[in-house]
Structure formats: C-alpha cells, structure tokens
Protein backbone atom coordinates (compact mmCIF):
# COMPACT_ATOMS: atom_id res chain seq x y z
CA VAL A 1 0.00 0.00 0.00
CA LYS A 2 1.41 3.35 -0.97
CA SER A 3 0.58 6.31 1.16
CA ALA A 4 1.98 9.76 0.90
CA GLY A 5 3.19 10.89 4.29
CA PRO A 6 2.72 14.25 5.91
CA ALA A 7 5.55 15.85 3.91
CA ALA A 8 4.25 14.60 0.58
CA SER A 9 0.62 15.33 1.33
CA GLY A 10 1.15 18.62 3.12
CA ALA A 11 0.02 17.14 6.42
CA LYS A 12 2.36 17.80 9.30
CA ALA A 13 2.40 17.79 13.05
CA SER A 14 1.38 21.15 14.38
CA PRO A 15 2.49 22.25 17.83
CA SER A 16 -0.24 24.88 17.74
CA ALA A 17 -3.00 22.25 17.56
CA ARG A 18 -5.11 22.70 20.65
CA ALA A 19 -4.93 19.93 23.23
CA ASP A 20 -8.70 20.13 23.75
CA ASP A 21 -9.21 19.33 20.03
CA ARG A 22 -7.16 16.17 20.45
CA ALA A 23 -9.02 15.23 23.62
CA ASP A 24 -12.29 15.50 21.68
CA ASP A 25 -11.04 13.07 19.04
CA ARG A 26 -12.16 10.19 21.25
CA THR A 27 -15.78 11.21 20.69
CA GLY A 28 -15.32 12.58 17.18
CA ASP A 29 -13.68 9.41 15.84
CA ARG A 30 -16.27 8.46 13.23
CA ALA A 31 -14.00 6.63 10.77
CA ASP A 32 -12.69 4.02 13.21
CA PRO A 33 -15.40 2.60 15.47
CA VAL A 34 -12.95 0.10 16.98
CA ARG A 35 -10.10 1.69 18.94
CA LYS A 36 -6.88 -0.28 19.03
CA SER A 37 -5.81 -1.10 22.59
CA ALA A 38 -2.16 -0.99 21.49
CA ALA A 39 -2.49 2.64 20.37
CA PRO A 40 -1.69 5.05 23.21
CA ALA A 41 -3.98 7.95 23.95
CA PRO A 42 -2.70 11.07 22.18
CA SER A 43 -0.67 13.35 24.40
CA PRO A 44 -1.31 17.11 24.54
CA ALA A 45 1.95 17.71 22.65
CA PRO A 46 2.88 14.87 20.27
CA ASP A 47 6.55 14.10 19.93
CA ARG A 48 7.50 15.64 16.57
CA ARG A 49 10.20 13.01 16.12
CA THR A 50 7.53 10.33 16.19
CA ALA A 51 4.93 12.29 14.24
CA ALA A 52 7.40 13.39 11.57
CA PRO A 53 9.71 10.47 10.78
CA THR A 54 12.92 11.16 8.95
CA ALA A 55 14.00 9.39 5.81
CA SER A 56 15.75 6.10 6.38
CA LYS A 57 19.26 5.39 5.11
CA GLY A 58 17.71 3.21 2.40
CA THR A 59 16.11 6.25 0.77
CA SER A 60 19.36 7.90 -0.24
CA ALA A 61 19.76 5.69 -3.31
CA THR A 62 19.94 7.33 -6.71
CA THR A 63 16.41 8.39 -7.55
CA GLY A 64 16.68 9.16 -11.25
CA ASN A 65 13.35 10.43 -12.53
CA ALA A 66 11.20 8.62 -9.95
CA PRO A 67 8.05 10.69 -9.35
CA PHE A 68 8.34 10.44 -5.55
CA ALA A 69 12.08 11.12 -5.44
CA GLY A 70 11.81 14.40 -3.53
CA THR A 71 9.73 13.05 -0.67
CA ALA A 72 11.37 12.33 2.65
CA GLN A 73 8.48 10.96 4.71
CA PHE A 74 6.05 8.12 4.28
CA VAL A 75 3.67 6.88 6.94
CA THR A 76 1.17 4.12 7.55
CA ILE A 77 -2.25 5.57 8.34
CA SER A 78 -4.43 3.46 10.63
CA ARG A 79 -7.39 5.81 10.79
CA ALA A 80 -8.57 9.29 9.89
CA TRP A 81 -11.35 11.45 11.27
CA THR A 82 -12.66 14.98 11.35
CA ASP A 83 -13.42 16.79 14.59
CA ASN A 84 -14.47 20.45 14.87
CA GLY A 85 -13.65 20.98 11.18
CA ARG A 86 -10.08 19.65 11.49
CA THR A 87 -8.80 16.39 9.97
CA TYR A 88 -6.69 14.09 12.15
CA LEU A 89 -4.62 11.06 11.19
CA ALA A 90 -3.23 8.23 13.31
CA VAL A 91 0.16 7.50 11.71
CA ARG A 92 3.44 5.69 12.23
CA PRO A 93 6.63 5.81 10.13
CA ALA A 94 7.00 3.68 7.01
CA ARG A 95 10.11 2.98 4.91
CA LYS A 96 10.37 3.60 1.17
CA GLU A 97 12.65 1.79 -1.27
CA ILE A 98 13.01 2.02 -5.02
CA ASN A 99 11.22 -0.77 -6.89
CA PRO A 100 13.65 -1.69 -9.71
CA ARG A 101 10.88 -3.32 -11.81
CA PHE A 102 8.76 -0.18 -12.01
CA ASP A 103 9.21 3.56 -11.80
CA THR A 104 7.80 3.49 -8.26
CA TRP A 105 8.65 3.21 -4.61
CA GLU A 106 7.77 0.25 -2.41
CA ILE A 107 6.43 1.33 0.95
CA THR A 108 7.11 -1.00 3.89
CA PRO A 109 4.92 -0.31 6.94
CA GLY A 110 6.72 0.34 10.21
CA THR A 111 5.90 -1.10 13.61
CA GLY A 112 5.09 0.43 16.95
CA PRO A 113 2.38 2.73 18.22
CA PHE A 114 0.43 5.14 16.06
CA THR A 115 0.67 8.88 16.78
CA THR A 116 -2.21 11.30 16.27
CA VAL A 117 -1.33 14.29 14.09
CA PRO A 118 -3.57 17.04 12.70
CA MET A 119 -3.44 17.81 8.99
CA ALA A 120 -2.30 21.30 8.13
CA ASP A 121 -5.17 23.60 7.19
CA ASP A 122 -3.75 23.85 3.66
CA GLY A 123 -2.66 20.17 3.55
CA ARG A 124 -2.93 18.21 0.30
CA VAL A 125 -3.83 14.55 0.04
CA LEU A 126 -2.36 12.49 -2.80
CA LEU A 127 -3.68 8.96 -3.12
CA ALA A 128 -2.47 6.33 -5.57
CA VAL A 129 -5.43 5.61 -7.83
CA PRO A 130 -5.59 2.82 -10.47
CA VAL A 131 -5.89 4.59 -13.82
CA ARG A 132 -4.91 1.94 -16.38
CA ASP A 133 -5.04 -1.77 -17.09
CA GLU A 134 -2.32 -4.15 -15.96
CA VAL A 135 0.76 -3.75 -18.20
CA ALA A 136 4.03 -5.59 -17.56
CA GLY A 137 6.67 -3.22 -16.19
CA LYS A 138 4.21 -0.37 -15.56
CA SER A 139 2.38 0.80 -12.48
CA ARG A 140 -1.42 0.89 -12.73
CA ALA A 141 -1.69 3.84 -10.36
CA GLU A 142 -1.05 7.57 -10.42
CA PRO A 143 -1.03 9.95 -7.46
CA VAL A 144 -4.26 11.98 -7.65
CA ALA A 145 -5.27 14.89 -5.40
CA HIS A 146 -8.22 14.30 -3.04
CA SER A 147 -9.82 16.38 -0.30
CA PRO A 148 -9.15 15.53 3.36
CA ALA A 149 -12.87 14.65 3.65
CA ARG A 150 -12.48 12.10 0.84
CA LEU A 151 -9.44 10.61 2.61
CA VAL A 152 -11.48 10.17 5.82
CA THR A 153 -14.28 8.50 3.84
CA LEU A 154 -11.96 6.11 2.00
CA ILE A 155 -10.02 5.09 5.10
CA GLY A 156 -13.31 4.57 6.95
CA ARG A 157 -14.36 2.05 4.28
CA LEU A 158 -11.24 -0.10 4.71
CA ASP A 159 -11.40 -3.41 6.50
CA PRO A 160 -10.47 -2.69 10.16
CA THR A 161 -8.02 -5.62 10.14
CA LEU A 162 -5.89 -3.71 7.61
CA SER A 163 -5.28 -0.78 9.95
CA GLY A 164 -2.60 -2.64 11.89
CA GLY A 165 -0.13 -1.86 9.09
C-alpha cells in the first residue's frame, strides 16, 4: 500500500493544535469505530520526532526520474477522522525503497504505536489511484489529489483488520 506521508501530502504535526481538540477526538472518531488497545492515547503535545519520521538510510539511493524522489516521509495511516472541522490522522513511520521493476517506490509499513497528528489547514492529500489496465513493467496507479474529507471517507471504508499496518 502506498501512502503519501505528511511531507508529501502537506500534512504535518502542528504544535499549535489545541490539546482540547485532540481530547475531543475520542468522541469525534467516526471513521474508526474500533479503537486499538495498542495505540496510546494522544498526548497534549505529540513528539514531533515520532509524528514526523525522517527518511531512512535506504532512501538515499539514486532516484533518477522517480516521481516520488523528492519526498522524505512516508507513513502508515491506521485511521482518519474529522473533529471540529479539522482532519486528524493516526500514523506511524514507514520505509520507502526504489522498486527496480517499475518507476515506483515500495512502501514498507513500520511497527510500533500510532501517533495522532492534525493535517495542516492547507494540507494536500495524494492517493495512488488505479488509472490503467495491468501492463508488464508499468504501475497501474497515479497519485491523484483528493480532499481531506475524501481521505477520511476512503479510510473509513477499509477493513479494520488492515489498519494494523
């Protein structure tokens, strides 16, 4: 599963996000009716190192003309919701590596707890969308812009067993 992380999508941890907004996410969590017991409750000030993972050493390979070459962060998203007009994501770091068979990256989900981060007000969401038939040596998908509301809807439709990464 490819997912553009906060840097690629414009979403980023915001220290100015109000703690009371995050506290309300427990009642405003409409996209994920089943809370994961392994996921810690969000703290008033998320650790930016956790919420904004850095690129791994494996991402420094020659990128050529790969369309995602400039991105430094990828994350696994377990859930997304809107509360008081703001979109929140539960994320954890993921690792990207060049796929030599295609002009794409392979995204390997990380492990560990998910961290709640708010999307930036002007954040962009790019989702990989199938746009062509299966062709040997070619990816079927292209990154296409979607609204944060559409992201929440699509993630809410996923099988809850997939949200573990």
